[in-house]
Amino acid sequence: MQGELIRDAIDVNDAGVVERVLLAAQNTLALPSSWHRLMVRGSYYFSTPDGSLPTTPGWYFICDEAGVALYVGEAEDLNARLNSSNGSLDNFANTRRTQDSARNFLKRFVQIGLVRALRVGVVEEDRVTCAVPVSAPLSKLDRCNVEKVFGLFRQRLLAPPAVRAV
């Protein structure tokens, strides 16, 4: 018997469904309005200095200045995750933490000059639910599954159009 991925409403075992999810993200990320500068504020936090992000659920793609995708995450509130002291802290100020999230590595690497500038692209949940189609809001399982799909295909989603066709 072939193993199947655990899922809820979005059937990540169906290649056609996964392709529609990817296309929805690709089309959204092609819009300049989906992109924002991302700064490290006060050593511990992220912020988008150009203004707030949507307060809706969705996913975010953190890229370097060349557009290389470094990290994909999901959020119940995109603005709170990347623009608030609580959502963007990632336990970084806690001196008793036993490990650091990848987001903390990004913050530090910006501070020490290994990464010069960050941008963030956002894909709101409704873009995906309309493409599949399923009803919103998505379950936590579906959001996490879509995050994994986006993470695995992040280079394809952000590749220039001529490269995508290859």
C-alpha atoms as a PDB file:
ATOM      1  CA  MET A   1       0.000   0.000   0.000  1.00  0.00           C
ATOM      2  CA  GLN A   2       1.281   3.433  -0.935  1.00  0.00           C
ATOM      3  CA  GLY A   3       1.672   5.969   1.864  1.00  0.00           C
ATOM      4  CA  GLU A   4      -0.355   9.166   1.728  1.00  0.00           C
ATOM      5  CA  LEU A   5       0.244  12.546   3.277  1.00  0.00           C
ATOM      6  CA  ILE A   6      -1.990  13.501   6.183  1.00  0.00           C
ATOM      7  CA  ARG A   7      -4.340  16.250   5.095  1.00  0.00           C
ATOM      8  CA  ASP A   8      -7.580  18.031   5.752  1.00  0.00           C
ATOM      9  CA  ALA A   9      -9.434  19.971   3.014  1.00  0.00           C
ATOM     10  CA  ILE A  10      -6.495  20.519   0.649  1.00  0.00           C
ATOM     11  CA  ASP A  11      -5.548  17.207  -0.948  1.00  0.00           C
ATOM     12  CA  VAL A  12      -1.758  17.410  -1.070  1.00  0.00           C
ATOM     13  CA  ASN A  13      -1.743  13.828  -2.402  1.00  0.00           C
ATOM     14  CA  ASP A  14      -3.257  15.070  -5.698  1.00  0.00           C
ATOM     15  CA  ALA A  15      -0.683  16.538  -8.113  1.00  0.00           C
ATOM     16  CA  GLY A  16      -3.331  18.696  -9.792  1.00  0.00           C
ATOM     17  CA  VAL A  17      -4.343  20.264  -6.474  1.00  0.00           C
ATOM     18  CA  VAL A  18      -0.714  20.928  -5.542  1.00  0.00           C
ATOM     19  CA  GLU A  19      -0.076  22.536  -8.951  1.00  0.00           C
ATOM     20  CA  ARG A  20      -3.106  24.850  -8.461  1.00  0.00           C
ATOM     21  CA  VAL A  21      -1.822  25.842  -5.005  1.00  0.00           C
ATOM     22  CA  LEU A  22       1.612  26.572  -6.477  1.00  0.00           C
ATOM     23  CA  LEU A  23       0.153  28.552  -9.373  1.00  0.00           C
ATOM     24  CA  ALA A  24      -1.916  30.673  -6.974  1.00  0.00           C
ATOM     25  CA  ALA A  25       1.240  31.533  -5.025  1.00  0.00           C
ATOM     26  CA  GLN A  26       3.295  32.114  -8.169  1.00  0.00           C
ATOM     27  CA  ASN A  27       0.695  34.505  -9.593  1.00  0.00           C
ATOM     28  CA  THR A  28       0.448  36.384  -6.298  1.00  0.00           C
ATOM     29  CA  LEU A  29       4.210  36.671  -5.856  1.00  0.00           C
ATOM     30  CA  ALA A  30       4.487  38.049  -9.403  1.00  0.00           C
ATOM     31  CA  LEU A  31       2.589  41.156  -8.222  1.00  0.00           C
ATOM     32  CA  PRO A  32       4.835  43.983  -6.975  1.00  0.00           C
ATOM     33  CA  SER A  33       2.193  44.791  -4.329  1.00  0.00           C
ATOM     34  CA  SER A  34       2.917  41.418  -2.681  1.00  0.00           C
ATOM     35  CA  TRP A  35       6.478  42.470  -1.797  1.00  0.00           C
ATOM     36  CA  HIS A  36       7.757  44.594   1.080  1.00  0.00           C
ATOM     37  CA  ARG A  37      11.112  45.530   2.563  1.00  0.00           C
ATOM     38  CA  LEU A  38      11.838  43.544   5.725  1.00  0.00           C
ATOM     39  CA  MET A  39      14.090  45.014   8.383  1.00  0.00           C
ATOM     40  CA  VAL A  40      15.569  43.710  11.611  1.00  0.00           C
ATOM     41  CA  ARG A  41      14.457  46.065  14.381  1.00  0.00           C
ATOM     42  CA  GLY A  42      16.270  46.252  17.709  1.00  0.00           C
ATOM     43  CA  SER A  43      18.203  43.002  17.136  1.00  0.00           C
ATOM     44  CA  TYR A  44      15.203  40.837  18.015  1.00  0.00           C
ATOM     45  CA  TYR A  45      12.290  41.762  15.758  1.00  0.00           C
ATOM     46  CA  PHE A  46      11.256  41.975  12.138  1.00  0.00           C
ATOM     47  CA  SER A  47       9.354  44.928  10.740  1.00  0.00           C
ATOM     48  CA  THR A  48       8.148  46.135   7.371  1.00  0.00           C
ATOM     49  CA  PRO A  49       9.098  49.828   7.301  1.00  0.00           C
ATOM     50  CA  ASP A  50       6.954  50.586   4.247  1.00  0.00           C
ATOM     51  CA  GLY A  51       3.708  49.839   6.121  1.00  0.00           C
ATOM     52  CA  SER A  52       1.562  47.107   7.535  1.00  0.00           C
ATOM     53  CA  LEU A  53       0.968  43.722   5.974  1.00  0.00           C
ATOM     54  CA  PRO A  54      -2.454  42.091   5.642  1.00  0.00           C
ATOM     55  CA  THR A  55      -3.921  40.963   8.963  1.00  0.00           C
ATOM     56  CA  THR A  56      -5.292  37.833   7.333  1.00  0.00           C
ATOM     57  CA  PRO A  57      -3.892  34.286   7.445  1.00  0.00           C
ATOM     58  CA  GLY A  58      -1.349  33.280   4.841  1.00  0.00           C
ATOM     59  CA  TRP A  59       2.259  32.536   4.041  1.00  0.00           C
ATOM     60  CA  TYR A  60       5.365  34.649   3.705  1.00  0.00           C
ATOM     61  CA  PHE A  61       8.555  34.234   1.706  1.00  0.00           C
ATOM     62  CA  ILE A  62      11.655  35.903   3.129  1.00  0.00           C
ATOM     63  CA  CYS A  63      14.234  36.582   0.418  1.00  0.00           C
ATOM     64  CA  ASP A  64      17.626  38.218   0.219  1.00  0.00           C
ATOM     65  CA  GLU A  65      18.294  41.274  -1.937  1.00  0.00           C
ATOM     66  CA  ALA A  66      18.876  39.067  -4.997  1.00  0.00           C
ATOM     67  CA  GLY A  67      15.451  37.457  -4.602  1.00  0.00           C
ATOM     68  CA  VAL A  68      16.743  34.108  -3.351  1.00  0.00           C
ATOM     69  CA  ALA A  69      14.135  32.538  -1.085  1.00  0.00           C
ATOM     70  CA  LEU A  70      15.665  31.919   2.330  1.00  0.00           C
ATOM     71  CA  TYR A  71      12.617  31.014   4.405  1.00  0.00           C
ATOM     72  CA  VAL A  72       8.904  30.274   4.052  1.00  0.00           C
ATOM     73  CA  GLY A  73       6.515  30.542   6.979  1.00  0.00           C
ATOM     74  CA  GLU A  74       2.811  30.541   7.736  1.00  0.00           C
ATOM     75  CA  ALA A  75       0.829  32.876   9.929  1.00  0.00           C
ATOM     76  CA  GLU A  76      -2.683  33.320  11.234  1.00  0.00           C
ATOM     77  CA  ASP A  77      -2.063  37.081  10.933  1.00  0.00           C
ATOM     78  CA  LEU A  78       0.681  38.058   8.493  1.00  0.00           C
ATOM     79  CA  ASN A  79       1.115  41.542   9.943  1.00  0.00           C
ATOM     80  CA  ALA A  80       1.391  40.333  13.546  1.00  0.00           C
ATOM     81  CA  ARG A  81       3.903  37.641  12.553  1.00  0.00           C
ATOM     82  CA  LEU A  82       6.268  40.055  10.824  1.00  0.00           C
ATOM     83  CA  ASN A  83       5.474  43.439  12.326  1.00  0.00           C
ATOM     84  CA  SER A  84       4.878  43.071  16.045  1.00  0.00           C
ATOM     85  CA  SER A  85       7.041  42.627  19.098  1.00  0.00           C
ATOM     86  CA  ASN A  86       5.264  39.391  20.038  1.00  0.00           C
ATOM     87  CA  GLY A  87       4.920  37.772  16.626  1.00  0.00           C
ATOM     88  CA  SER A  88       8.382  38.470  15.301  1.00  0.00           C
ATOM     89  CA  LEU A  89      10.389  37.877  18.490  1.00  0.00           C
ATOM     90  CA  ASP A  90      10.873  34.093  18.031  1.00  0.00           C
ATOM     91  CA  ASN A  91      12.115  33.745  21.621  1.00  0.00           C
ATOM     92  CA  PHE A  92      15.338  35.542  20.588  1.00  0.00           C
ATOM     93  CA  ALA A  93      15.521  37.716  23.724  1.00  0.00           C
ATOM     94  CA  ASN A  94      15.123  34.717  26.030  1.00  0.00           C
ATOM     95  CA  THR A  95      18.603  33.972  27.397  1.00  0.00           C
ATOM     96  CA  ARG A  96      17.428  30.509  28.531  1.00  0.00           C
ATOM     97  CA  ARG A  97      16.343  29.334  25.076  1.00  0.00           C
ATOM     98  CA  THR A  98      17.886  26.000  24.105  1.00  0.00           C
ATOM     99  CA  GLN A  99      17.843  26.601  20.349  1.00  0.00           C
ATOM    100  CA  ASP A 100      17.102  29.228  17.729  1.00  0.00           C
ATOM    101  CA  SER A 101      14.612  29.236  14.894  1.00  0.00           C
ATOM    102  CA  ALA A 102      15.788  29.829  11.336  1.00  0.00           C
ATOM    103  CA  ARG A 103      14.232  33.297  11.585  1.00  0.00           C
ATOM    104  CA  ASN A 104      16.679  34.167  14.387  1.00  0.00           C
ATOM    105  CA  PHE A 105      19.564  33.068  12.167  1.00  0.00           C
ATOM    106  CA  LEU A 106      18.284  35.453   9.493  1.00  0.00           C
ATOM    107  CA  LYS A 107      18.100  38.315  12.002  1.00  0.00           C
ATOM    108  CA  ARG A 108      21.646  37.704  13.174  1.00  0.00           C
ATOM    109  CA  PHE A 109      23.032  37.204   9.674  1.00  0.00           C
ATOM    110  CA  VAL A 110      21.599  40.589   8.669  1.00  0.00           C
ATOM    111  CA  GLN A 111      23.228  42.154  11.736  1.00  0.00           C
ATOM    112  CA  ILE A 112      26.668  40.708  10.972  1.00  0.00           C
ATOM    113  CA  GLY A 113      26.483  41.436   7.246  1.00  0.00           C
ATOM    114  CA  LEU A 114      26.160  37.914   5.841  1.00  0.00           C
ATOM    115  CA  VAL A 115      22.773  38.901   4.424  1.00  0.00           C
ATOM    116  CA  ARG A 116      22.632  42.506   3.257  1.00  0.00           C
ATOM    117  CA  ALA A 117      18.930  43.167   2.806  1.00  0.00           C
ATOM    118  CA  LEU A 118      15.670  41.270   3.147  1.00  0.00           C
ATOM    119  CA  ARG A 119      12.359  41.392   1.321  1.00  0.00           C
ATOM    120  CA  VAL A 120       9.180  39.547   2.136  1.00  0.00           C
ATOM    121  CA  GLY A 121       6.483  38.374  -0.244  1.00  0.00           C
ATOM    122  CA  VAL A 122       3.074  37.504   1.150  1.00  0.00           C
ATOM    123  CA  VAL A 123       0.384  35.152  -0.117  1.00  0.00           C
ATOM    124  CA  GLU A 124      -2.956  35.524   1.609  1.00  0.00           C
ATOM    125  CA  GLU A 125      -4.955  32.395   2.399  1.00  0.00           C
ATOM    126  CA  ASP A 126      -7.889  33.396   0.201  1.00  0.00           C
ATOM    127  CA  ARG A 127      -5.642  33.228  -2.891  1.00  0.00           C
ATOM    128  CA  VAL A 128      -5.089  29.543  -2.206  1.00  0.00           C
ATOM    129  CA  THR A 129      -8.626  28.666  -1.111  1.00  0.00           C
ATOM    130  CA  CYS A 130     -10.043  30.219  -4.297  1.00  0.00           C
ATOM    131  CA  ALA A 131      -7.607  28.268  -6.483  1.00  0.00           C
ATOM    132  CA  VAL A 132      -8.273  24.843  -5.026  1.00  0.00           C
ATOM    133  CA  PRO A 133     -11.280  25.607  -4.180  1.00  0.00           C
ATOM    134  CA  VAL A 134     -11.976  24.921  -0.514  1.00  0.00           C
ATOM    135  CA  SER A 135     -13.692  26.916   2.193  1.00  0.00           C
ATOM    136  CA  ALA A 136     -11.804  29.314   4.411  1.00  0.00           C
ATOM    137  CA  PRO A 137     -10.567  29.398   7.043  1.00  0.00           C
ATOM    138  CA  LEU A 138      -8.104  26.591   6.551  1.00  0.00           C
ATOM    139  CA  SER A 139      -7.252  24.250   9.381  1.00  0.00           C
ATOM    140  CA  LYS A 140      -3.834  24.450  11.028  1.00  0.00           C
ATOM    141  CA  LEU A 141      -2.966  21.155   9.275  1.00  0.00           C
ATOM    142  CA  ASP A 142      -3.793  22.597   5.851  1.00  0.00           C
ATOM    143  CA  ARG A 143      -1.840  25.804   6.541  1.00  0.00           C
ATOM    144  CA  CYS A 144       1.191  23.782   7.639  1.00  0.00           C
ATOM    145  CA  ASN A 145       0.905  21.460   4.639  1.00  0.00           C
ATOM    146  CA  VAL A 146       0.779  24.419   2.247  1.00  0.00           C
ATOM    147  CA  GLU A 147       3.788  25.926   4.061  1.00  0.00           C
ATOM    148  CA  LYS A 148       5.713  22.700   3.391  1.00  0.00           C
ATOM    149  CA  VAL A 149       4.677  22.693  -0.272  1.00  0.00           C
ATOM    150  CA  PHE A 150       5.784  26.327  -0.634  1.00  0.00           C
ATOM    151  CA  GLY A 151       9.034  25.598   1.193  1.00  0.00           C
ATOM    152  CA  LEU A 152       9.880  22.675  -1.054  1.00  0.00           C
ATOM    153  CA  PHE A 153       9.064  24.592  -4.253  1.00  0.00           C
ATOM    154  CA  ARG A 154      10.205  28.059  -3.124  1.00  0.00           C
ATOM    155  CA  GLN A 155      12.927  28.395  -5.764  1.00  0.00           C
ATOM    156  CA  ARG A 156      10.475  27.463  -8.515  1.00  0.00           C
ATOM    157  CA  LEU A 157       7.878  29.933  -7.215  1.00  0.00           C
ATOM    158  CA  LEU A 158      10.360  32.810  -7.207  1.00  0.00           C
ATOM    159  CA  ALA A 159      12.306  31.979 -10.365  1.00  0.00           C
ATOM    160  CA  PRO A 160      12.166  34.468 -13.236  1.00  0.00           C
ATOM    161  CA  PRO A 161       9.493  33.485 -15.823  1.00  0.00           C
ATOM    162  CA  ALA A 162      12.063  32.349 -18.437  1.00  0.00           C
ATOM    163  CA  VAL A 163      13.628  29.953 -15.926  1.00  0.00           C
ATOM    164  CA  ARG A 164      10.249  28.597 -14.748  1.00  0.00           C
ATOM    165  CA  ALA A 165       9.417  27.349 -18.236  1.00  0.00           C
ATOM    166  CA  VAL A 166      12.451  25.046 -18.360  1.00  0.00           C
END
